[in-house]
Amino acid sequence: MTATTTKSSDLRIGENIKKKLRRMYSERVTKSMTPDQKVVLAISTIADLDPMDRLSLSSPTEEERLNKMINYMIR
């Protein structure tokens, strides 16, 4: 497998995860939720999808990446 194939596969996996996170979040969110409640819901949705932390989002060095995923889900 070439480096290009691996990179392409990784990108597809990332897009699939993002789509699934967004779908899971959309199924759970309600219009009456406050912005803080929406952030908590986004975090719990990520935790539900990735209980073993394979995405490594719980590490302090990945805070920016986690925030980007949360913002992607709640917009």
N, C-alpha and C. Protein backbone atom coordinates (compact mmCIF):
# COMPACT_ATOMS: atom_id res chain seq x y z
N MET A 1 0.84 -1.17 0.00
CA MET A 1 0.00 0.00 0.00
C MET A 1 0.89 1.24 0.00
N THR A 2 0.57 2.19 -0.83
CA THR A 2 1.38 3.40 -0.93
C THR A 2 0.98 4.40 0.14
N ALA A 3 1.83 5.39 0.35
CA ALA A 3 1.54 6.44 1.33
C ALA A 3 0.28 7.21 0.95
N THR A 4 0.06 7.41 -0.34
CA THR A 4 -1.13 8.12 -0.80
C THR A 4 -2.39 7.35 -0.45
N THR A 5 -2.37 6.05 -0.66
CA THR A 5 -3.53 5.22 -0.34
C THR A 5 -3.84 5.28 1.15
N THR A 6 -2.81 5.19 1.97
CA THR A 6 -3.01 5.24 3.42
C THR A 6 -3.60 6.57 3.83
N LYS A 7 -3.05 7.66 3.30
CA LYS A 7 -3.55 8.98 3.65
C LYS A 7 -5.01 9.12 3.22
N SER A 8 -5.33 8.67 2.04
CA SER A 8 -6.69 8.74 1.54
C SER A 8 -7.64 7.94 2.43
N SER A 9 -7.22 6.75 2.83
CA SER A 9 -8.03 5.91 3.69
C SER A 9 -8.26 6.60 5.04
N ASP A 10 -7.21 7.20 5.59
CA ASP A 10 -7.34 7.90 6.87
C ASP A 10 -8.32 9.06 6.76
N LEU A 11 -8.30 9.76 5.64
CA LEU A 11 -9.22 10.88 5.45
C LEU A 11 -10.66 10.40 5.39
N ARG A 12 -10.89 9.29 4.70
CA ARG A 12 -12.24 8.74 4.62
C ARG A 12 -12.73 8.32 6.00
N ILE A 13 -11.87 7.68 6.77
CA ILE A 13 -12.25 7.27 8.11
C ILE A 13 -12.60 8.48 8.95
N GLY A 14 -11.81 9.53 8.85
CA GLY A 14 -12.08 10.76 9.59
C GLY A 14 -13.41 11.37 9.20
N GLU A 15 -13.70 11.40 7.90
CA GLU A 15 -14.98 11.95 7.44
C GLU A 15 -16.15 11.10 7.91
N ASN A 16 -15.98 9.79 7.91
CA ASN A 16 -17.04 8.91 8.38
C ASN A 16 -17.31 9.12 9.87
N ILE A 17 -16.26 9.29 10.64
CA ILE A 17 -16.43 9.54 12.07
C ILE A 17 -17.14 10.87 12.29
N LYS A 18 -16.72 11.90 11.57
CA LYS A 18 -17.36 13.21 11.71
C LYS A 18 -18.84 13.14 11.36
N LYS A 19 -19.18 12.44 10.29
CA LYS A 19 -20.58 12.32 9.90
C LYS A 19 -21.38 11.57 10.97
N LYS A 20 -20.80 10.52 11.49
CA LYS A 20 -21.51 9.74 12.52
C LYS A 20 -21.69 10.57 13.79
N LEU A 21 -20.66 11.31 14.19
CA LEU A 21 -20.78 12.17 15.36
C LEU A 21 -21.88 13.19 15.18
N ARG A 22 -21.90 13.81 14.03
CA ARG A 22 -22.91 14.84 13.76
C ARG A 22 -24.32 14.24 13.76
N ARG A 23 -24.46 13.06 13.17
CA ARG A 23 -25.76 12.40 13.14
C ARG A 23 -26.22 12.03 14.55
N MET A 24 -25.32 11.45 15.33
CA MET A 24 -25.65 11.07 16.71
C MET A 24 -26.04 12.31 17.53
N TYR A 25 -25.29 13.37 17.36
CA TYR A 25 -25.57 14.61 18.08
C TYR A 25 -26.95 15.17 17.67
N SER A 26 -27.21 15.20 16.37
CA SER A 26 -28.47 15.74 15.86
C SER A 26 -29.68 14.96 16.38
N GLU A 27 -29.51 13.66 16.56
CA GLU A 27 -30.60 12.83 17.07
C GLU A 27 -30.92 13.14 18.54
N ARG A 28 -29.95 13.68 19.28
CA ARG A 28 -30.10 13.89 20.72
C ARG A 28 -30.41 15.34 21.11
N VAL A 29 -30.03 16.29 20.29
CA VAL A 29 -30.14 17.69 20.65
C VAL A 29 -31.60 18.15 20.57
N THR A 30 -31.97 19.07 21.47
CA THR A 30 -33.30 19.66 21.44
C THR A 30 -33.17 21.18 21.32
N LYS A 31 -34.23 21.81 20.84
CA LYS A 31 -34.20 23.26 20.65
C LYS A 31 -34.12 24.02 21.97
N SER A 32 -34.58 23.42 23.04
CA SER A 32 -34.60 24.11 24.33
C SER A 32 -33.26 24.06 25.07
N MET A 33 -32.27 23.37 24.52
CA MET A 33 -30.98 23.25 25.19
C MET A 33 -30.21 24.57 25.13
N THR A 34 -29.52 24.86 26.24
CA THR A 34 -28.65 26.04 26.27
C THR A 34 -27.35 25.72 25.53
N PRO A 35 -26.58 26.74 25.17
CA PRO A 35 -25.29 26.47 24.52
C PRO A 35 -24.37 25.56 25.36
N ASP A 36 -24.36 25.75 26.67
CA ASP A 36 -23.54 24.90 27.53
C ASP A 36 -24.03 23.45 27.50
N GLN A 37 -25.33 23.25 27.49
CA GLN A 37 -25.87 21.90 27.43
C GLN A 37 -25.52 21.24 26.09
N LYS A 38 -25.49 22.03 25.03
CA LYS A 38 -25.12 21.49 23.72
C LYS A 38 -23.67 21.04 23.69
N VAL A 39 -22.79 21.80 24.35
CA VAL A 39 -21.38 21.41 24.42
C VAL A 39 -21.23 20.11 25.21
N VAL A 40 -21.93 20.03 26.34
CA VAL A 40 -21.88 18.80 27.15
C VAL A 40 -22.41 17.62 26.35
N LEU A 41 -23.48 17.82 25.61
CA LEU A 41 -24.03 16.76 24.77
C LEU A 41 -23.02 16.34 23.70
N ALA A 42 -22.35 17.30 23.09
CA ALA A 42 -21.34 16.98 22.07
C ALA A 42 -20.21 16.14 22.67
N ILE A 43 -19.75 16.53 23.86
CA ILE A 43 -18.67 15.78 24.52
C ILE A 43 -19.14 14.36 24.86
N SER A 44 -20.35 14.23 25.37
CA SER A 44 -20.84 12.89 25.72
C SER A 44 -21.07 12.04 24.47
N THR A 45 -21.43 12.68 23.37
CA THR A 45 -21.59 11.95 22.11
C THR A 45 -20.25 11.41 21.63
N ILE A 46 -19.21 12.23 21.74
CA ILE A 46 -17.86 11.78 21.38
C ILE A 46 -17.45 10.62 22.28
N ALA A 47 -17.72 10.74 23.57
CA ALA A 47 -17.36 9.67 24.51
C ALA A 47 -18.12 8.39 24.20
N ASP A 48 -19.39 8.50 23.81
CA ASP A 48 -20.18 7.32 23.46
C ASP A 48 -19.62 6.62 22.22
N LEU A 49 -19.19 7.40 21.25
CA LEU A 49 -18.66 6.82 20.01
C LEU A 49 -17.25 6.27 20.20
N ASP A 50 -16.50 6.86 21.11
CA ASP A 50 -15.09 6.50 21.28
C ASP A 50 -14.76 6.23 22.76
N PRO A 51 -15.38 5.21 23.37
CA PRO A 51 -15.17 4.97 24.80
C PRO A 51 -13.73 4.58 25.17
N MET A 52 -12.98 4.05 24.22
CA MET A 52 -11.60 3.65 24.50
C MET A 52 -10.61 4.77 24.17
N ASP A 53 -11.12 5.94 23.78
CA ASP A 53 -10.31 7.11 23.45
C ASP A 53 -9.29 6.82 22.35
N ARG A 54 -9.74 6.11 21.33
CA ARG A 54 -8.85 5.83 20.19
C ARG A 54 -8.55 7.09 19.40
N LEU A 55 -9.44 8.08 19.49
CA LEU A 55 -9.20 9.35 18.80
C LEU A 55 -8.24 10.24 19.58
N SER A 56 -7.91 9.83 20.79
CA SER A 56 -6.98 10.57 21.66
C SER A 56 -7.43 12.00 21.93
N LEU A 57 -8.72 12.20 22.09
CA LEU A 57 -9.23 13.54 22.31
C LEU A 57 -9.22 13.96 23.77
N SER A 58 -8.96 13.03 24.67
CA SER A 58 -8.97 13.39 26.09
C SER A 58 -7.63 13.94 26.57
N SER A 59 -6.61 13.85 25.74
CA SER A 59 -5.30 14.36 26.15
C SER A 59 -5.29 15.89 26.07
N PRO A 60 -4.63 16.55 27.02
CA PRO A 60 -4.60 18.02 27.03
C PRO A 60 -4.00 18.62 25.76
N THR A 61 -3.12 17.90 25.10
CA THR A 61 -2.51 18.42 23.88
C THR A 61 -3.49 18.41 22.70
N GLU A 62 -4.59 17.69 22.83
CA GLU A 62 -5.57 17.60 21.76
C GLU A 62 -6.80 18.48 22.02
N GLU A 63 -6.69 19.43 22.93
CA GLU A 63 -7.82 20.27 23.28
C GLU A 63 -8.36 21.05 22.07
N GLU A 64 -7.46 21.57 21.25
CA GLU A 64 -7.89 22.33 20.07
C GLU A 64 -8.66 21.44 19.10
N ARG A 65 -8.17 20.23 18.91
CA ARG A 65 -8.84 19.28 18.01
C ARG A 65 -10.22 18.91 18.55
N LEU A 66 -10.30 18.72 19.86
CA LEU A 66 -11.59 18.42 20.50
C LEU A 66 -12.55 19.58 20.30
N ASN A 67 -12.07 20.80 20.51
CA ASN A 67 -12.92 21.97 20.33
C ASN A 67 -13.41 22.10 18.89
N LYS A 68 -12.56 21.78 17.93
CA LYS A 68 -12.97 21.83 16.53
C LYS A 68 -14.08 20.82 16.26
N MET A 69 -13.96 19.63 16.83
CA MET A 69 -15.00 18.61 16.64
C MET A 69 -16.30 19.04 17.29
N ILE A 70 -16.22 19.62 18.48
CA ILE A 70 -17.42 20.11 19.17
C ILE A 70 -18.09 21.19 18.34
N ASN A 71 -17.30 22.15 17.87
CA ASN A 71 -17.86 23.23 17.05
C ASN A 71 -18.48 22.71 15.77
N TYR A 72 -17.87 21.70 15.17
CA TYR A 72 -18.42 21.09 13.96
C TYR A 72 -19.79 20.48 14.25
N MET A 73 -19.92 19.85 15.41
CA MET A 73 -21.17 19.18 15.74
C MET A 73 -22.29 20.17 16.09
N ILE A 74 -21.98 21.23 16.79
CA ILE A 74 -23.04 22.11 17.29
C ILE A 74 -23.42 23.23 16.34
N ARG A 75 -22.68 23.42 15.27
CA ARG A 75 -23.06 24.51 14.35
C ARG A 75 -24.24 24.15 13.51
